[in-house]
Amino acid sequence: MFVRIQARQWWLTWLLGLSAAGCGGGDSGIVQRPPPRVTVARPVVRSLIDEDDYTGWLRESAEEKVQSKVRGYIQKIYFQDGDLVQEGQLLFELDPRPFQVAVEQSQAQVKVFDAQRVAAEKDLARNRILIAKNAVAQADLDKIEADALSYAAKVAAALQEVQQHKLDLEYSQIAAKMSGRIGRAQLTKGNLVNAGGTDPVLATIVALDPIYVYFNVDERSLQRYQKEGQQGRDGQPAASLREQKIPFRFGLDTDEGFPHAGVLDFAENKVASSTGTIQIRGVVDNKQRLFVAGSRVRVRVPVSDKYEAVVVPDTAVLADQDRKYLLVLGKENVVLRRDIIPGRLLDDGMRVLLPAPGEETAAADKDWLRSWEKQWLISLGLQRARIDYPVLPLDANGQPVDTKAAAQ
């Protein structure tokens, strides 16, 4: 019963609506919807430089592994772990007493040999007088002369040994050979230090300024850089990377963008066959101690001269299978489709447009750029726009845009 009443009410409502439409005239029941509102913007012409991005890492420009040249016990350490040290600064002191004793013993030995040398030379002088009187045989004189020369040689050797022991005493004072930041001490006071390259490193010092940035470039990019570098050289050999002074920018993981600058100064002399890449190095000023060796960085290298290009908001770019296009305004604000060739995406979210085949000449003459500057494109509200139908264009502040007046 209730269902029958609802159906009857619906039928009555439909009849009343139909009668009202018939009484009101032929077109009075048709509601004219306004064009959908969309946000429009002009493409922008910018001066750009093509750049390639890489992942790299920081490395110290120099490193010293502090080791002892003599054997001894550590008596004192003159630094705290992580200190900034200067070249020539004392770091470790070994117990100097054994080295001082060795110096004194060798000096005493010099005196012994020197006394024997003096006695031998006096004996030689006397026997030279006696041989003139035939009181001494020639063989005995030769032996005495040999003994005098032998003691003189022993004195010279003993003097060299004194110098060696003095050098060992000097080596017991272990100083920094370079300036930089020192790591932690691997051995502490009282430990025995052995001499030689196989013994443990006492500490490590790394240079802080400058600092190096290393990154790997793939073989194809390297060949492209070399080809571009040869243009305009009249067949002359390419200059070294250090001579070219190519600037680059980089950023740490905590940085936005690439705020730091450096100069490329070195490239390896061959491509690694296992990876197909070659290692590149840049040098960076680090007087402010902002960078720490081992940190990962993002590197951006310029690979072209400055040129003008058209950029549009990347959010305005639409896709139709493998084709990209923009929605632009034609006459009477009718929506049109314009196919594009997108280029690289910029950091601020703008997309570079590339000239299509056949438009390169116009792009070089800037006619292509000027044509884009006069164009209006839909940047927001794309889902409300329909091709071949008009829209109501608004600016970024929501105010209507007179596209006809703006185009004049």
Protein backbone atom coordinates (compact mmCIF):
# COMPACT_ATOMS: atom_id res chain seq x y z
CA MET A 1 0.00 0.00 0.00
CA PHE A 2 2.81 2.39 0.97
CA VAL A 3 4.74 1.60 -2.23
CA ARG A 4 1.63 2.30 -4.34
CA ILE A 5 1.18 5.74 -2.71
CA GLN A 6 4.86 6.67 -3.32
CA ALA A 7 4.62 5.70 -6.99
CA ARG A 8 1.46 7.76 -7.40
CA GLN A 9 3.15 10.82 -5.80
CA TRP A 10 6.15 10.50 -8.11
CA TRP A 11 3.89 10.25 -11.18
CA LEU A 12 1.96 13.36 -10.11
CA THR A 13 5.12 15.34 -9.56
CA TRP A 14 6.40 14.45 -13.03
CA LEU A 15 3.12 15.55 -14.67
CA LEU A 16 3.17 18.88 -12.83
CA GLY A 17 6.72 19.54 -13.90
CA LEU A 18 5.91 18.70 -17.53
CA SER A 19 2.91 21.05 -17.50
CA ALA A 20 4.96 23.88 -16.05
CA ALA A 21 7.55 23.47 -18.74
CA GLY A 22 4.91 23.56 -21.47
CA CYS A 23 3.25 26.68 -20.14
CA GLY A 24 6.42 28.64 -19.80
CA GLY A 25 7.40 28.78 -23.51
CA GLY A 26 9.79 26.84 -25.77
CA ASP A 27 13.25 27.85 -24.34
CA SER A 28 12.45 29.05 -20.85
CA GLY A 29 13.14 25.61 -19.33
CA ILE A 30 16.73 25.32 -20.73
CA VAL A 31 19.38 26.44 -18.22
CA GLN A 32 22.49 27.97 -19.79
CA ARG A 33 25.53 26.86 -17.71
CA PRO A 34 28.46 29.31 -17.52
CA PRO A 35 31.86 28.20 -18.88
CA PRO A 36 33.99 26.34 -16.32
CA ARG A 37 36.54 28.39 -14.45
CA VAL A 38 40.21 27.56 -15.00
CA THR A 39 43.49 29.16 -14.00
CA VAL A 40 45.66 30.27 -16.91
CA ALA A 41 49.26 31.38 -17.20
CA ARG A 42 51.74 32.51 -19.80
CA PRO A 43 54.74 30.34 -20.70
CA VAL A 44 58.00 31.95 -19.56
CA VAL A 45 61.21 32.41 -21.53
CA ARG A 46 64.27 31.87 -19.33
CA SER A 47 68.01 31.84 -19.78
CA LEU A 48 69.14 28.31 -18.94
CA ILE A 49 72.23 26.11 -18.91
CA ASP A 50 71.94 22.37 -19.44
CA GLU A 51 73.26 20.47 -16.43
CA ASP A 52 73.83 16.84 -15.51
CA ASP A 53 73.29 15.51 -11.99
CA TYR A 54 75.45 12.91 -10.26
CA THR A 55 75.90 11.38 -6.83
CA GLY A 56 79.33 11.89 -5.32
CA TRP A 57 81.21 11.89 -2.05
CA LEU A 58 83.67 14.10 -0.20
CA ARG A 59 87.24 13.05 0.41
CA GLU A 60 90.15 14.73 2.17
CA SER A 61 92.77 16.35 -0.05
CA ALA A 62 95.62 14.86 2.03
CA GLU A 63 96.01 12.33 4.83
CA GLU A 64 98.83 11.46 7.22
CA LYS A 65 99.06 8.16 9.05
CA VAL A 66 101.05 8.97 12.18
CA GLN A 67 103.57 6.16 12.86
CA SER A 68 106.71 5.82 14.93
CA LYS A 69 110.14 5.36 13.35
CA VAL A 70 111.63 3.92 16.56
CA ARG A 71 110.65 1.36 19.16
CA GLY A 72 109.67 2.61 22.60
CA TYR A 73 106.99 3.15 25.22
CA ILE A 74 104.56 6.04 24.94
CA GLN A 75 105.31 8.46 27.76
CA LYS A 76 102.93 11.32 26.89
CA ILE A 77 100.21 12.29 24.39
CA TYR A 78 99.90 15.98 23.54
CA PHE A 79 96.47 16.15 21.88
CA GLN A 80 92.81 15.36 22.46
CA ASP A 81 90.93 13.13 20.04
CA GLY A 82 89.49 15.24 17.21
CA ASP A 83 91.72 18.28 17.78
CA LEU A 84 92.84 20.61 15.01
CA VAL A 85 96.62 20.24 14.82
CA GLN A 86 99.27 22.27 13.02
CA GLU A 87 102.27 21.08 11.04
CA GLY A 88 105.19 20.48 13.41
CA GLN A 89 102.99 20.16 16.50
CA LEU A 90 104.16 17.50 19.00
CA LEU A 91 101.71 14.59 19.19
CA PHE A 92 103.39 11.67 21.01
CA GLU A 93 106.48 11.42 23.18
CA LEU A 94 108.24 8.09 23.69
CA ASP A 95 110.39 7.45 26.76
CA PRO A 96 113.64 9.21 25.75
CA ARG A 97 115.96 7.57 28.30
CA PRO A 98 116.96 4.49 26.26
CA PHE A 99 117.78 6.72 23.29
CA GLN A 100 119.78 9.13 25.47
CA VAL A 101 121.78 6.20 26.91
CA ALA A 102 122.53 4.94 23.41
CA VAL A 103 123.79 8.40 22.43
CA GLU A 104 126.10 8.56 25.43
CA GLN A 105 127.42 5.04 24.85
CA SER A 106 128.24 5.80 21.22
CA GLN A 107 129.95 9.03 22.23
CA ALA A 108 132.09 7.10 24.72
CA GLN A 109 132.99 4.61 21.99
CA VAL A 110 134.11 7.49 19.80
CA LYS A 111 136.52 8.57 22.54
CA VAL A 112 137.94 5.03 22.81
CA PHE A 113 138.56 4.75 19.09
CA ASP A 114 139.91 8.26 18.91
CA ALA A 115 142.44 7.52 21.69
CA GLN A 116 143.55 4.37 19.86
CA ARG A 117 143.85 6.38 16.64
CA VAL A 118 146.07 8.96 18.34
CA ALA A 119 148.32 6.25 19.81
CA ALA A 120 148.56 4.50 16.44
CA GLU A 121 149.46 7.72 14.63
CA LYS A 122 152.23 8.46 17.21
CA ASP A 123 153.56 4.90 16.84
CA LEU A 124 153.52 5.34 13.07
CA ALA A 125 155.48 8.60 13.32
CA ARG A 126 158.20 6.99 15.49
CA ASN A 127 158.54 3.96 13.22
CA ARG A 128 158.94 6.15 10.14
CA ILE A 129 162.02 7.67 11.83
CA LEU A 130 163.36 4.23 12.73
CA ILE A 131 162.93 2.79 9.27
CA ALA A 132 165.21 5.51 7.93
CA LYS A 133 167.92 4.03 10.19
CA ASN A 134 167.00 0.50 9.13
CA ALA A 135 165.94 -0.21 12.74
CA VAL A 136 162.42 -1.40 11.70
CA ALA A 137 161.39 -3.77 8.95
CA GLN A 138 159.17 -2.41 6.15
CA ALA A 139 156.52 -5.05 6.92
CA ASP A 140 156.21 -3.85 10.50
CA LEU A 141 155.86 -0.26 9.34
CA ASP A 142 153.09 -1.23 6.90
CA LYS A 143 151.19 -2.98 9.69
CA ILE A 144 151.47 0.02 12.01
CA GLU A 145 150.30 2.30 9.22
CA ALA A 146 147.29 0.03 8.54
CA ASP A 147 146.40 0.05 12.25
CA ALA A 148 146.43 3.86 12.30
CA LEU A 149 144.10 4.00 9.26
CA SER A 150 141.84 1.38 10.83
CA TYR A 151 141.39 3.37 14.03
CA ALA A 152 140.66 6.51 12.03
CA ALA A 153 137.92 4.62 10.14
CA LYS A 154 136.51 3.31 13.44
CA VAL A 155 136.32 6.86 14.75
CA ALA A 156 134.40 7.96 11.64
CA ALA A 157 131.99 5.00 11.97
CA ALA A 158 131.46 5.69 15.66
CA LEU A 159 130.66 9.33 14.89
CA GLN A 160 128.02 8.16 12.38
CA GLU A 161 126.57 5.90 15.06
CA VAL A 162 126.33 8.88 17.40
CA GLN A 163 124.38 10.73 14.75
CA GLN A 164 122.04 7.73 14.29
CA HIS A 165 121.31 7.53 18.01
CA LYS A 166 120.71 11.27 18.16
CA LEU A 167 118.27 10.85 15.28
CA ASP A 168 116.48 8.06 17.16
CA LEU A 169 116.27 10.38 20.16
CA GLU A 170 114.71 13.01 17.89
CA TYR A 171 112.29 10.41 16.48
CA SER A 172 111.05 9.70 20.01
CA GLN A 173 109.30 13.06 19.69
CA ILE A 174 106.54 12.32 17.12
CA ALA A 175 105.19 15.49 15.50
CA ALA A 176 102.55 16.20 12.84
CA LYS A 177 103.83 16.43 9.27
CA MET A 178 100.74 18.36 8.09
CA SER A 179 97.93 20.53 9.42
CA GLY A 180 94.43 19.17 9.77
CA ARG A 181 92.07 17.36 12.12
CA ILE A 182 93.45 14.39 14.01
CA GLY A 183 91.41 11.31 14.87
CA ARG A 184 91.52 9.31 18.06
CA ALA A 185 94.77 7.91 19.45
CA GLN A 186 94.99 4.21 18.64
CA LEU A 187 97.53 3.58 21.43
CA THR A 188 97.54 5.21 24.85
CA LYS A 189 100.17 6.09 27.43
CA GLY A 190 102.35 3.16 28.50
CA ASN A 191 101.86 1.10 25.32
CA LEU A 192 104.86 -0.24 23.44
CA VAL A 193 105.30 1.15 19.96
CA ASN A 194 107.22 -0.87 17.39
CA ALA A 195 108.99 0.74 14.47
CA GLY A 196 108.07 -0.18 10.92
CA GLY A 197 105.24 0.10 8.43
CA THR A 198 103.49 -3.06 9.65
CA ASP A 199 102.90 -1.67 13.13
CA PRO A 200 99.57 -0.04 14.06
CA VAL A 201 98.95 3.58 13.12
CA LEU A 202 99.11 5.83 16.18
CA ALA A 203 96.57 8.31 14.75
CA THR A 204 95.36 9.74 11.43
CA ILE A 205 95.36 13.39 10.36
CA VAL A 206 93.19 14.57 7.47
CA ALA A 207 93.51 17.90 5.70
CA LEU A 208 90.42 20.11 5.93
CA ASP A 209 91.06 22.80 3.34
CA PRO A 210 90.67 22.30 0.48
CA ILE A 211 88.44 19.23 0.25
CA TYR A 212 87.75 17.05 -2.80
CA VAL A 213 84.46 15.99 -4.38
CA TYR A 214 84.58 12.71 -6.32
CA PHE A 215 81.89 11.34 -8.65
CA ASN A 216 81.66 8.92 -11.56
CA VAL A 217 80.61 9.91 -15.08
CA ASP A 218 79.26 7.29 -17.47
CA GLU A 219 81.14 6.62 -20.68
CA ARG A 220 78.44 8.05 -22.97
CA SER A 221 78.35 11.36 -21.10
CA LEU A 222 82.13 11.51 -21.16
CA GLN A 223 82.18 11.11 -24.94
CA ARG A 224 79.53 13.83 -25.28
CA TYR A 225 81.56 16.21 -23.09
CA GLN A 226 84.68 15.51 -25.12
CA LYS A 227 82.86 16.12 -28.40
CA GLU A 228 81.41 19.40 -27.16
CA GLY A 229 84.80 20.42 -25.75
CA GLN A 230 86.43 19.91 -29.15
CA GLN A 231 84.01 22.23 -30.93
CA GLY A 232 85.71 25.45 -31.93
CA ARG A 233 89.24 24.22 -31.14
CA ASP A 234 90.34 23.98 -34.80
CA GLY A 235 91.54 20.44 -34.32
CA GLN A 236 93.74 21.27 -31.34
CA PRO A 237 94.04 18.69 -28.55
CA ALA A 238 91.58 19.14 -25.71
CA ALA A 239 92.88 20.97 -22.67
CA SER A 240 93.15 19.08 -19.42
CA LEU A 241 90.30 19.31 -16.96
CA ARG A 242 92.42 21.46 -14.66
CA GLU A 243 93.13 23.93 -17.48
CA GLN A 244 89.46 24.16 -18.47
CA LYS A 245 88.44 25.24 -14.94
CA ILE A 246 84.89 23.93 -15.31
CA PRO A 247 82.71 25.08 -12.38
CA PHE A 248 80.23 22.79 -10.68
CA ARG A 249 77.75 22.97 -7.82
CA PHE A 250 76.84 20.47 -5.16
CA GLY A 251 74.67 20.02 -2.10
CA LEU A 252 74.72 17.91 1.03
CA ASP A 253 71.83 15.65 1.97
CA THR A 254 70.58 18.35 4.34
CA ASP A 255 70.79 21.14 1.73
CA GLU A 256 68.06 22.35 -0.57
CA GLY A 257 69.30 22.48 -4.14
CA PHE A 258 72.99 22.93 -4.89
CA PRO A 259 74.23 25.88 -2.79
CA HIS A 260 77.99 25.09 -2.77
CA ALA A 261 80.48 25.65 -5.60
CA GLY A 262 83.78 24.20 -6.73
CA VAL A 263 85.98 23.67 -9.80
CA LEU A 264 86.72 20.40 -11.59
CA ASP A 265 90.46 19.73 -11.60
CA PHE A 266 91.12 16.06 -12.35
CA ALA A 267 89.84 13.04 -14.29
CA GLU A 268 91.19 9.50 -14.27
CA ASN A 269 93.20 8.50 -17.34
CA LYS A 270 90.98 5.55 -18.32
CA VAL A 271 87.42 4.26 -18.15
CA ALA A 272 86.78 1.42 -15.69
CA SER A 273 85.82 -1.54 -17.88
CA SER A 274 83.78 -3.16 -15.09
CA THR A 275 81.45 -0.18 -14.64
CA GLY A 276 81.84 1.83 -17.86
CA THR A 277 82.49 4.98 -15.85
CA ILE A 278 85.38 7.34 -15.24
CA GLN A 279 86.08 9.10 -11.95
CA ILE A 280 86.05 12.90 -11.86
CA ARG A 281 87.35 15.10 -9.05
CA GLY A 282 86.54 18.67 -8.06
CA VAL A 283 88.27 20.88 -5.52
CA VAL A 284 86.26 22.92 -3.01
CA ASP A 285 87.27 25.65 -0.58
CA ASN A 286 86.59 24.54 3.01
CA LYS A 287 87.89 27.39 5.13
CA GLN A 288 84.61 27.44 7.08
CA ARG A 289 84.95 23.72 7.93
CA LEU A 290 81.46 23.02 6.54
CA PHE A 291 82.35 19.74 4.85
CA VAL A 292 83.48 16.44 6.35
CA ALA A 293 85.32 13.77 4.37
CA GLY A 294 83.13 10.76 3.60
CA SER A 295 79.87 12.71 3.31
CA ARG A 296 77.60 11.95 0.37
CA VAL A 297 76.77 14.86 -1.95
CA ARG A 298 74.61 15.64 -4.97
CA VAL A 299 76.66 17.09 -7.83
CA ARG A 300 75.44 19.24 -10.75
CA VAL A 301 77.77 19.96 -13.67
CA PRO A 302 77.01 22.46 -16.50
CA VAL A 303 77.23 20.88 -19.95
CA SER A 304 76.18 23.72 -22.26
CA ASP A 305 76.44 27.44 -22.82
CA LYS A 306 73.63 29.74 -21.69
CA TYR A 307 70.58 29.73 -23.98
CA GLU A 308 66.94 30.86 -23.93
CA ALA A 309 64.16 28.30 -23.49
CA VAL A 310 60.40 28.17 -22.94
CA VAL A 311 59.29 26.77 -19.57
CA VAL A 312 55.77 25.90 -18.38
CA PRO A 313 54.40 24.49 -15.11
CA ASP A 314 54.91 20.76 -15.10
CA THR A 315 51.43 20.35 -13.64
CA ALA A 316 50.00 21.70 -16.91
CA VAL A 317 51.54 18.92 -19.02
CA LEU A 318 49.07 16.15 -19.95
CA ALA A 319 49.73 12.76 -21.51
CA ASP A 320 47.93 10.86 -24.26
CA GLN A 321 49.69 7.49 -24.47
CA ASP A 322 53.20 8.39 -25.63
CA ARG A 323 52.37 11.98 -26.58
CA LYS A 324 52.51 15.03 -24.33
CA TYR A 325 50.35 18.10 -24.78
CA LEU A 326 49.07 21.32 -23.22
CA LEU A 327 45.59 22.82 -23.15
CA VAL A 328 45.79 26.35 -24.56
CA LEU A 329 43.25 29.07 -25.27
CA GLY A 330 42.19 29.96 -28.78
CA LYS A 331 39.70 32.56 -29.99
CA GLU A 332 36.82 33.28 -27.62
CA ASN A 333 38.71 31.32 -24.94
CA VAL A 334 38.00 28.02 -26.66
CA VAL A 335 40.22 25.21 -25.39
CA LEU A 336 42.69 23.78 -27.92
CA ARG A 337 45.22 21.00 -27.69
CA ARG A 338 48.87 21.74 -28.51
CA ASP A 339 51.31 18.83 -28.64
CA ILE A 340 54.74 19.43 -27.15
CA ILE A 341 58.12 17.79 -26.68
CA PRO A 342 58.96 18.09 -22.97
CA GLY A 343 62.53 18.67 -21.83
CA ARG A 344 64.06 18.47 -18.38
CA LEU A 345 62.28 19.32 -15.16
CA LEU A 346 63.70 22.32 -13.28
CA ASP A 347 64.06 22.56 -9.51
CA ASP A 348 61.10 24.96 -9.18
CA GLY A 349 58.67 22.56 -10.89
CA MET A 350 58.84 24.15 -14.34
CA ARG A 351 59.23 21.98 -17.43
CA VAL A 352 61.39 22.97 -20.41
CA LEU A 353 59.78 22.76 -23.85
CA LEU A 354 61.86 21.59 -26.81
CA PRO A 355 61.23 22.61 -30.41
CA ALA A 356 59.61 19.93 -32.52
CA PRO A 357 61.34 18.65 -35.67
CA GLY A 358 61.27 21.47 -38.20
CA GLU A 359 61.06 24.19 -35.56
CA GLU A 360 64.78 24.33 -34.72
CA THR A 361 65.43 27.25 -37.09
CA ALA A 362 62.55 29.26 -35.67
CA ALA A 363 63.78 28.49 -32.17
CA ALA A 364 67.27 29.71 -33.05
CA ASP A 365 65.77 32.90 -34.52
CA LYS A 366 63.63 33.30 -31.35
CA ASP A 367 60.40 33.37 -33.40
CA TRP A 368 59.36 30.13 -31.76
CA LEU A 369 60.04 31.61 -28.31
CA ARG A 370 58.03 34.75 -29.06
CA SER A 371 55.08 32.69 -30.29
CA TRP A 372 54.94 30.85 -26.97
CA GLU A 373 55.11 34.09 -24.98
CA LYS A 374 51.82 35.20 -26.60
CA GLN A 375 50.07 31.93 -25.71
CA TRP A 376 47.74 31.32 -22.76
CA LEU A 377 47.75 27.84 -21.28
CA ILE A 378 45.61 26.22 -18.60
CA SER A 379 47.65 25.51 -15.50
CA LEU A 380 44.92 24.57 -13.00
CA GLY A 381 41.41 23.20 -13.45
CA LEU A 382 42.47 20.94 -16.31
CA GLN A 383 39.83 18.36 -15.40
CA ARG A 384 37.08 20.96 -15.99
CA ALA A 385 38.28 22.00 -19.43
CA ARG A 386 37.06 20.30 -22.60
CA ILE A 387 38.69 20.62 -25.99
CA ASP A 388 36.72 22.81 -28.45
CA TYR A 389 34.62 24.31 -25.62
CA PRO A 390 35.10 27.74 -24.04
CA VAL A 391 36.30 28.36 -20.47
CA LEU A 392 36.40 31.32 -18.11
CA PRO A 393 40.13 32.15 -17.58
CA LEU A 394 41.28 33.34 -14.16
CA ASP A 395 44.66 34.44 -12.90
CA ALA A 396 46.48 32.95 -9.92
CA ASN A 397 44.53 35.26 -7.57
CA GLY A 398 41.17 34.13 -8.94
CA GLN A 399 40.51 37.31 -10.92
CA PRO A 400 39.14 37.13 -14.49
CA VAL A 401 41.69 37.53 -17.25
CA ASP A 402 40.91 39.48 -20.44
CA THR A 403 42.94 37.35 -22.83
CA LYS A 404 42.10 39.61 -25.78
CA ALA A 405 43.39 42.75 -24.05
CA ALA A 406 46.47 40.93 -22.76
CA ALA A 407 47.32 39.73 -26.24
CA GLN A 408 47.39 43.24 -27.71
